N, C-alpha and C. Protein backbone atom coordinates (compact mmCIF):
# COMPACT_ATOMS: atom_id res chain seq x y z
N MET A 1 -0.93 -8.04 -11.03
CA MET A 1 -2.15 -8.49 -11.69
C MET A 1 -2.94 -7.30 -12.24
N GLN A 2 -2.84 -6.16 -11.59
CA GLN A 2 -3.58 -4.99 -12.02
C GLN A 2 -3.19 -4.59 -13.45
N HIS A 3 -1.94 -4.83 -13.81
CA HIS A 3 -1.47 -4.48 -15.16
C HIS A 3 -2.18 -5.30 -16.23
N TYR A 4 -2.77 -6.44 -15.83
CA TYR A 4 -3.47 -7.31 -16.76
C TYR A 4 -4.98 -7.18 -16.64
N GLY A 5 -5.46 -6.16 -15.93
CA GLY A 5 -6.89 -5.91 -15.81
C GLY A 5 -7.61 -6.71 -14.75
N VAL A 6 -6.88 -7.37 -13.87
CA VAL A 6 -7.49 -8.16 -12.80
C VAL A 6 -7.70 -7.25 -11.58
N PRO A 7 -8.92 -7.20 -11.04
CA PRO A 7 -9.15 -6.38 -9.85
C PRO A 7 -8.29 -6.87 -8.67
N THR A 8 -7.74 -5.94 -7.93
CA THR A 8 -6.88 -6.29 -6.81
C THR A 8 -7.00 -5.24 -5.71
N ARG A 9 -6.64 -5.61 -4.51
CA ARG A 9 -6.62 -4.65 -3.40
C ARG A 9 -5.28 -3.97 -3.28
N LEU A 10 -4.34 -4.28 -4.14
CA LEU A 10 -2.99 -3.74 -4.05
C LEU A 10 -2.81 -2.54 -4.98
N LEU A 11 -2.15 -1.52 -4.47
CA LEU A 11 -1.70 -0.39 -5.28
C LEU A 11 -0.19 -0.35 -5.19
N ASP A 12 0.47 -0.28 -6.32
CA ASP A 12 1.94 -0.21 -6.33
C ASP A 12 2.38 1.20 -5.96
N PHE A 13 3.37 1.28 -5.11
CA PHE A 13 4.00 2.55 -4.76
C PHE A 13 5.50 2.36 -4.84
N THR A 14 6.20 3.46 -4.91
CA THR A 14 7.65 3.44 -4.93
C THR A 14 8.18 4.50 -3.98
N GLU A 15 9.36 4.28 -3.47
CA GLU A 15 10.01 5.28 -2.63
C GLU A 15 10.74 6.32 -3.48
N SER A 16 10.85 6.07 -4.76
CA SER A 16 11.61 6.95 -5.66
C SER A 16 10.68 7.87 -6.46
N PRO A 17 10.85 9.18 -6.35
CA PRO A 17 10.03 10.08 -7.17
C PRO A 17 10.36 9.92 -8.66
N PHE A 18 11.58 9.50 -8.98
CA PHE A 18 11.96 9.31 -10.37
C PHE A 18 11.24 8.11 -10.99
N VAL A 19 11.13 7.03 -10.23
CA VAL A 19 10.40 5.85 -10.70
C VAL A 19 8.93 6.20 -10.86
N ALA A 20 8.36 6.92 -9.91
CA ALA A 20 6.95 7.32 -9.98
C ALA A 20 6.70 8.18 -11.22
N LEU A 21 7.58 9.12 -11.48
CA LEU A 21 7.44 9.98 -12.65
C LEU A 21 7.57 9.17 -13.95
N TYR A 22 8.52 8.25 -13.98
CA TYR A 22 8.69 7.40 -15.16
C TYR A 22 7.40 6.66 -15.49
N PHE A 23 6.81 5.98 -14.49
CA PHE A 23 5.60 5.21 -14.76
C PHE A 23 4.41 6.10 -15.06
N SER A 24 4.39 7.31 -14.53
CA SER A 24 3.31 8.25 -14.85
C SER A 24 3.40 8.71 -16.30
N LEU A 25 4.62 8.90 -16.78
CA LEU A 25 4.82 9.42 -18.13
C LEU A 25 4.93 8.33 -19.19
N GLU A 26 5.14 7.10 -18.76
CA GLU A 26 5.41 6.00 -19.70
C GLU A 26 4.38 5.90 -20.82
N ALA A 27 3.12 5.95 -20.49
CA ALA A 27 2.07 5.80 -21.50
C ALA A 27 1.27 7.10 -21.69
N PHE A 28 1.78 8.18 -21.15
CA PHE A 28 1.06 9.45 -21.23
C PHE A 28 1.19 10.04 -22.62
N ASN A 29 0.09 10.50 -23.18
CA ASN A 29 0.07 11.12 -24.49
C ASN A 29 0.09 12.64 -24.30
N LEU A 30 1.17 13.26 -24.69
CA LEU A 30 1.30 14.71 -24.52
C LEU A 30 0.27 15.50 -25.32
N ASN A 31 -0.26 14.90 -26.38
CA ASN A 31 -1.25 15.58 -27.21
C ASN A 31 -2.67 15.45 -26.66
N SER A 32 -2.85 14.62 -25.66
CA SER A 32 -4.19 14.45 -25.09
C SER A 32 -4.45 15.58 -24.10
N LYS A 33 -5.69 15.71 -23.74
CA LYS A 33 -6.05 16.73 -22.75
C LYS A 33 -6.19 16.11 -21.36
N ASP A 34 -5.66 14.89 -21.21
CA ASP A 34 -5.73 14.20 -19.93
C ASP A 34 -4.79 14.85 -18.92
N ASP A 35 -5.14 14.71 -17.67
CA ASP A 35 -4.28 15.19 -16.59
C ASP A 35 -3.28 14.11 -16.21
N LEU A 36 -2.22 14.53 -15.58
CA LEU A 36 -1.19 13.62 -15.09
C LEU A 36 -0.95 13.96 -13.63
N ALA A 37 -0.80 12.94 -12.80
CA ALA A 37 -0.57 13.19 -11.38
C ALA A 37 0.37 12.13 -10.81
N VAL A 38 1.17 12.56 -9.87
CA VAL A 38 2.00 11.66 -9.07
C VAL A 38 1.59 11.92 -7.62
N PHE A 39 1.21 10.85 -6.92
CA PHE A 39 0.74 10.99 -5.55
C PHE A 39 1.82 10.53 -4.57
N ALA A 40 1.87 11.19 -3.45
CA ALA A 40 2.77 10.80 -2.37
C ALA A 40 1.93 10.54 -1.13
N ILE A 41 2.34 9.55 -0.34
CA ILE A 41 1.65 9.29 0.92
C ILE A 41 2.66 9.39 2.05
N ASP A 42 2.18 9.80 3.18
CA ASP A 42 3.01 9.86 4.39
C ASP A 42 2.87 8.51 5.09
N TYR A 43 3.85 7.65 4.89
CA TYR A 43 3.81 6.29 5.42
C TYR A 43 3.55 6.29 6.93
N ARG A 44 4.26 7.11 7.66
CA ARG A 44 4.12 7.11 9.13
C ARG A 44 2.71 7.52 9.54
N ALA A 45 2.19 8.57 8.94
CA ALA A 45 0.84 9.04 9.29
C ALA A 45 -0.21 8.00 8.91
N LEU A 46 -0.04 7.39 7.74
CA LEU A 46 -0.98 6.36 7.29
C LEU A 46 -1.03 5.20 8.28
N MET A 47 0.14 4.69 8.65
CA MET A 47 0.18 3.55 9.58
C MET A 47 -0.30 3.95 10.97
N ASP A 48 0.06 5.14 11.42
CA ASP A 48 -0.42 5.60 12.73
C ASP A 48 -1.94 5.67 12.76
N GLN A 49 -2.54 6.19 11.69
CA GLN A 49 -4.01 6.28 11.61
C GLN A 49 -4.63 4.88 11.57
N SER A 50 -4.05 3.98 10.79
CA SER A 50 -4.57 2.61 10.71
C SER A 50 -4.47 1.90 12.07
N ILE A 51 -3.36 2.10 12.76
CA ILE A 51 -3.19 1.52 14.09
C ILE A 51 -4.20 2.10 15.07
N SER A 52 -4.48 3.40 14.96
CA SER A 52 -5.50 4.03 15.82
C SER A 52 -6.87 3.40 15.62
N VAL A 53 -7.21 3.09 14.39
CA VAL A 53 -8.49 2.44 14.10
C VAL A 53 -8.51 1.05 14.74
N LEU A 54 -7.41 0.31 14.62
CA LEU A 54 -7.35 -1.04 15.22
C LEU A 54 -7.49 -0.96 16.74
N ILE A 55 -6.84 -0.01 17.36
CA ILE A 55 -6.93 0.16 18.82
C ILE A 55 -8.36 0.51 19.23
N ALA A 56 -9.03 1.36 18.45
CA ALA A 56 -10.41 1.74 18.75
C ALA A 56 -11.36 0.55 18.63
N LYS A 57 -11.07 -0.37 17.72
CA LYS A 57 -11.93 -1.53 17.52
C LYS A 57 -11.59 -2.68 18.47
N ASP A 58 -10.36 -2.73 18.95
CA ASP A 58 -9.91 -3.82 19.82
C ASP A 58 -8.99 -3.25 20.89
N SER A 59 -9.50 -3.09 22.08
CA SER A 59 -8.71 -2.47 23.16
C SER A 59 -7.51 -3.33 23.56
N ALA A 60 -7.49 -4.60 23.18
CA ALA A 60 -6.36 -5.47 23.50
C ALA A 60 -5.20 -5.28 22.51
N PHE A 61 -5.45 -4.60 21.40
CA PHE A 61 -4.41 -4.36 20.40
C PHE A 61 -3.44 -3.32 20.95
N ARG A 62 -2.19 -3.68 21.09
CA ARG A 62 -1.19 -2.81 21.73
C ARG A 62 0.00 -2.46 20.83
N GLU A 63 -0.09 -2.79 19.56
CA GLU A 63 1.05 -2.55 18.67
C GLU A 63 1.21 -1.06 18.36
N THR A 64 2.43 -0.70 18.04
CA THR A 64 2.75 0.63 17.54
C THR A 64 3.44 0.44 16.19
N ARG A 65 3.66 1.52 15.49
CA ARG A 65 4.36 1.41 14.21
C ARG A 65 5.73 0.79 14.41
N GLN A 66 6.39 1.12 15.50
CA GLN A 66 7.73 0.60 15.78
C GLN A 66 7.69 -0.91 16.10
N THR A 67 6.72 -1.36 16.86
CA THR A 67 6.66 -2.78 17.23
C THR A 67 6.14 -3.65 16.09
N LEU A 68 5.51 -3.04 15.09
CA LEU A 68 4.98 -3.80 13.96
C LEU A 68 6.03 -4.16 12.93
N TYR A 69 7.21 -3.60 13.02
CA TYR A 69 8.21 -3.70 11.97
C TYR A 69 8.41 -5.12 11.44
N ASP A 70 8.64 -6.07 12.29
CA ASP A 70 8.90 -7.44 11.84
C ASP A 70 7.66 -8.31 11.75
N LYS A 71 6.51 -7.79 12.14
CA LYS A 71 5.29 -8.62 12.13
C LYS A 71 4.12 -7.94 11.41
N GLN A 72 4.43 -7.01 10.55
CA GLN A 72 3.39 -6.28 9.84
C GLN A 72 2.50 -7.20 9.00
N ASP A 73 3.11 -8.16 8.31
CA ASP A 73 2.33 -9.10 7.49
C ASP A 73 1.46 -10.01 8.36
N LYS A 74 2.00 -10.46 9.49
CA LYS A 74 1.26 -11.33 10.39
C LYS A 74 0.03 -10.60 10.96
N VAL A 75 0.22 -9.35 11.37
CA VAL A 75 -0.90 -8.56 11.90
C VAL A 75 -1.94 -8.33 10.81
N PHE A 76 -1.48 -8.07 9.59
CA PHE A 76 -2.44 -7.89 8.50
C PHE A 76 -3.26 -9.17 8.30
N ASP A 77 -2.60 -10.31 8.21
CA ASP A 77 -3.29 -11.58 7.98
C ASP A 77 -4.24 -11.94 9.11
N GLU A 78 -3.77 -11.81 10.35
CA GLU A 78 -4.54 -12.30 11.50
C GLU A 78 -5.58 -11.31 12.02
N ILE A 79 -5.41 -10.04 11.74
CA ILE A 79 -6.35 -9.06 12.29
C ILE A 79 -7.03 -8.24 11.21
N VAL A 80 -6.25 -7.48 10.44
CA VAL A 80 -6.82 -6.56 9.46
C VAL A 80 -7.63 -7.30 8.40
N ASP A 81 -7.01 -8.27 7.75
CA ASP A 81 -7.69 -9.02 6.69
C ASP A 81 -8.79 -9.92 7.25
N ARG A 82 -8.51 -10.53 8.37
CA ARG A 82 -9.49 -11.46 8.98
C ARG A 82 -10.82 -10.78 9.27
N PHE A 83 -10.76 -9.54 9.78
CA PHE A 83 -11.98 -8.81 10.13
C PHE A 83 -12.38 -7.80 9.06
N SER A 84 -11.63 -7.76 7.96
CA SER A 84 -11.91 -6.88 6.82
C SER A 84 -12.09 -5.43 7.26
N TYR A 85 -11.15 -4.97 8.08
CA TYR A 85 -11.22 -3.59 8.56
C TYR A 85 -11.02 -2.62 7.39
N ASP A 86 -11.75 -1.54 7.41
CA ASP A 86 -11.71 -0.55 6.35
C ASP A 86 -10.57 0.44 6.59
N ILE A 87 -9.35 -0.06 6.46
CA ILE A 87 -8.16 0.76 6.65
C ILE A 87 -7.18 0.48 5.52
N ALA A 88 -6.20 1.35 5.39
CA ALA A 88 -5.11 1.14 4.42
C ALA A 88 -3.91 0.58 5.18
N TRP A 89 -3.18 -0.29 4.53
CA TRP A 89 -2.03 -0.96 5.15
C TRP A 89 -0.91 -0.99 4.13
N THR A 90 0.30 -0.79 4.57
CA THR A 90 1.42 -0.88 3.64
C THR A 90 2.12 -2.23 3.79
N ALA A 91 2.65 -2.71 2.70
CA ALA A 91 3.32 -4.01 2.72
C ALA A 91 4.48 -3.99 1.74
N GLU A 92 5.51 -4.69 2.11
CA GLU A 92 6.65 -4.89 1.23
C GLU A 92 6.85 -6.39 1.10
N PRO A 93 7.10 -6.84 -0.11
CA PRO A 93 7.31 -8.28 -0.29
C PRO A 93 8.51 -8.76 0.51
N LYS A 94 8.40 -9.95 1.10
CA LYS A 94 9.52 -10.51 1.86
C LYS A 94 10.69 -10.84 0.93
N GLN A 95 10.37 -11.32 -0.26
CA GLN A 95 11.41 -11.63 -1.24
C GLN A 95 11.27 -10.67 -2.41
N LEU A 96 12.29 -9.86 -2.62
CA LEU A 96 12.26 -8.92 -3.73
C LEU A 96 12.88 -9.55 -4.96
N ASN A 97 12.23 -9.37 -6.08
CA ASN A 97 12.89 -9.75 -7.33
C ASN A 97 13.64 -8.52 -7.83
N ALA A 98 14.42 -8.68 -8.86
CA ALA A 98 15.26 -7.58 -9.34
C ALA A 98 14.42 -6.37 -9.74
N ARG A 99 13.27 -6.62 -10.33
CA ARG A 99 12.41 -5.52 -10.78
C ARG A 99 11.90 -4.70 -9.59
N LEU A 100 11.36 -5.38 -8.59
CA LEU A 100 10.86 -4.67 -7.41
C LEU A 100 11.99 -3.94 -6.67
N ASP A 101 13.14 -4.56 -6.63
CA ASP A 101 14.28 -3.94 -5.96
C ASP A 101 14.69 -2.65 -6.68
N ARG A 102 14.80 -2.70 -8.00
CA ARG A 102 15.19 -1.50 -8.77
C ARG A 102 14.14 -0.41 -8.67
N GLN A 103 12.87 -0.80 -8.56
CA GLN A 103 11.79 0.18 -8.50
C GLN A 103 11.54 0.69 -7.09
N ALA A 104 12.25 0.14 -6.09
CA ALA A 104 12.03 0.50 -4.69
C ALA A 104 10.54 0.38 -4.36
N GLY A 105 9.96 -0.76 -4.77
CA GLY A 105 8.52 -0.93 -4.70
C GLY A 105 7.98 -1.39 -3.37
N SER A 106 6.77 -0.97 -3.10
CA SER A 106 5.99 -1.44 -1.97
C SER A 106 4.52 -1.36 -2.39
N PHE A 107 3.64 -1.82 -1.52
CA PHE A 107 2.23 -1.87 -1.86
C PHE A 107 1.38 -1.20 -0.80
N LEU A 108 0.31 -0.60 -1.23
CA LEU A 108 -0.73 -0.11 -0.35
C LEU A 108 -1.88 -1.09 -0.50
N VAL A 109 -2.36 -1.63 0.61
CA VAL A 109 -3.37 -2.68 0.60
C VAL A 109 -4.60 -2.21 1.35
N SER A 110 -5.77 -2.46 0.79
CA SER A 110 -7.01 -2.17 1.49
C SER A 110 -7.31 -3.32 2.44
N GLY A 111 -7.63 -3.01 3.68
CA GLY A 111 -8.03 -4.04 4.63
C GLY A 111 -9.43 -4.56 4.35
N ASN A 112 -10.20 -3.79 3.61
CA ASN A 112 -11.57 -4.15 3.25
C ASN A 112 -11.54 -5.12 2.08
N ARG A 113 -11.93 -6.35 2.30
CA ARG A 113 -11.88 -7.38 1.26
C ARG A 113 -12.74 -7.06 0.05
N GLY A 114 -13.78 -6.27 0.25
CA GLY A 114 -14.69 -5.95 -0.86
C GLY A 114 -14.19 -4.81 -1.72
N MET A 115 -13.17 -4.11 -1.32
CA MET A 115 -12.67 -2.97 -2.07
C MET A 115 -11.64 -3.40 -3.09
N ARG A 116 -11.92 -3.14 -4.34
CA ARG A 116 -11.00 -3.48 -5.42
C ARG A 116 -10.71 -2.23 -6.23
N ILE A 117 -9.54 -2.21 -6.84
CA ILE A 117 -9.12 -1.05 -7.63
C ILE A 117 -9.17 -1.42 -9.10
């Protein structure tokens, strides 16, 4: 939806540096004085930090990055999104279409419902 100008909490990411570079350069004008950047995130550190915030807010929360593997979406829906925690969360679609599969795509999601990109 972001490609059509609709505000969203999702940021597209890819596991491939080649795909990231392609999309960075796709509409880049070499004659402009604009900057170009490709960002990388440390998935493990991001999720560990987000889990630490959840544990600090709810002492009953006992998940780890390893135990979240098959229930990451459920935890996001029932805890992160429900309480609009101000953390970043990664998500991968359960059903990949050919485009997402080729792009090795995933999403970075804001837990804060009021934050839009």
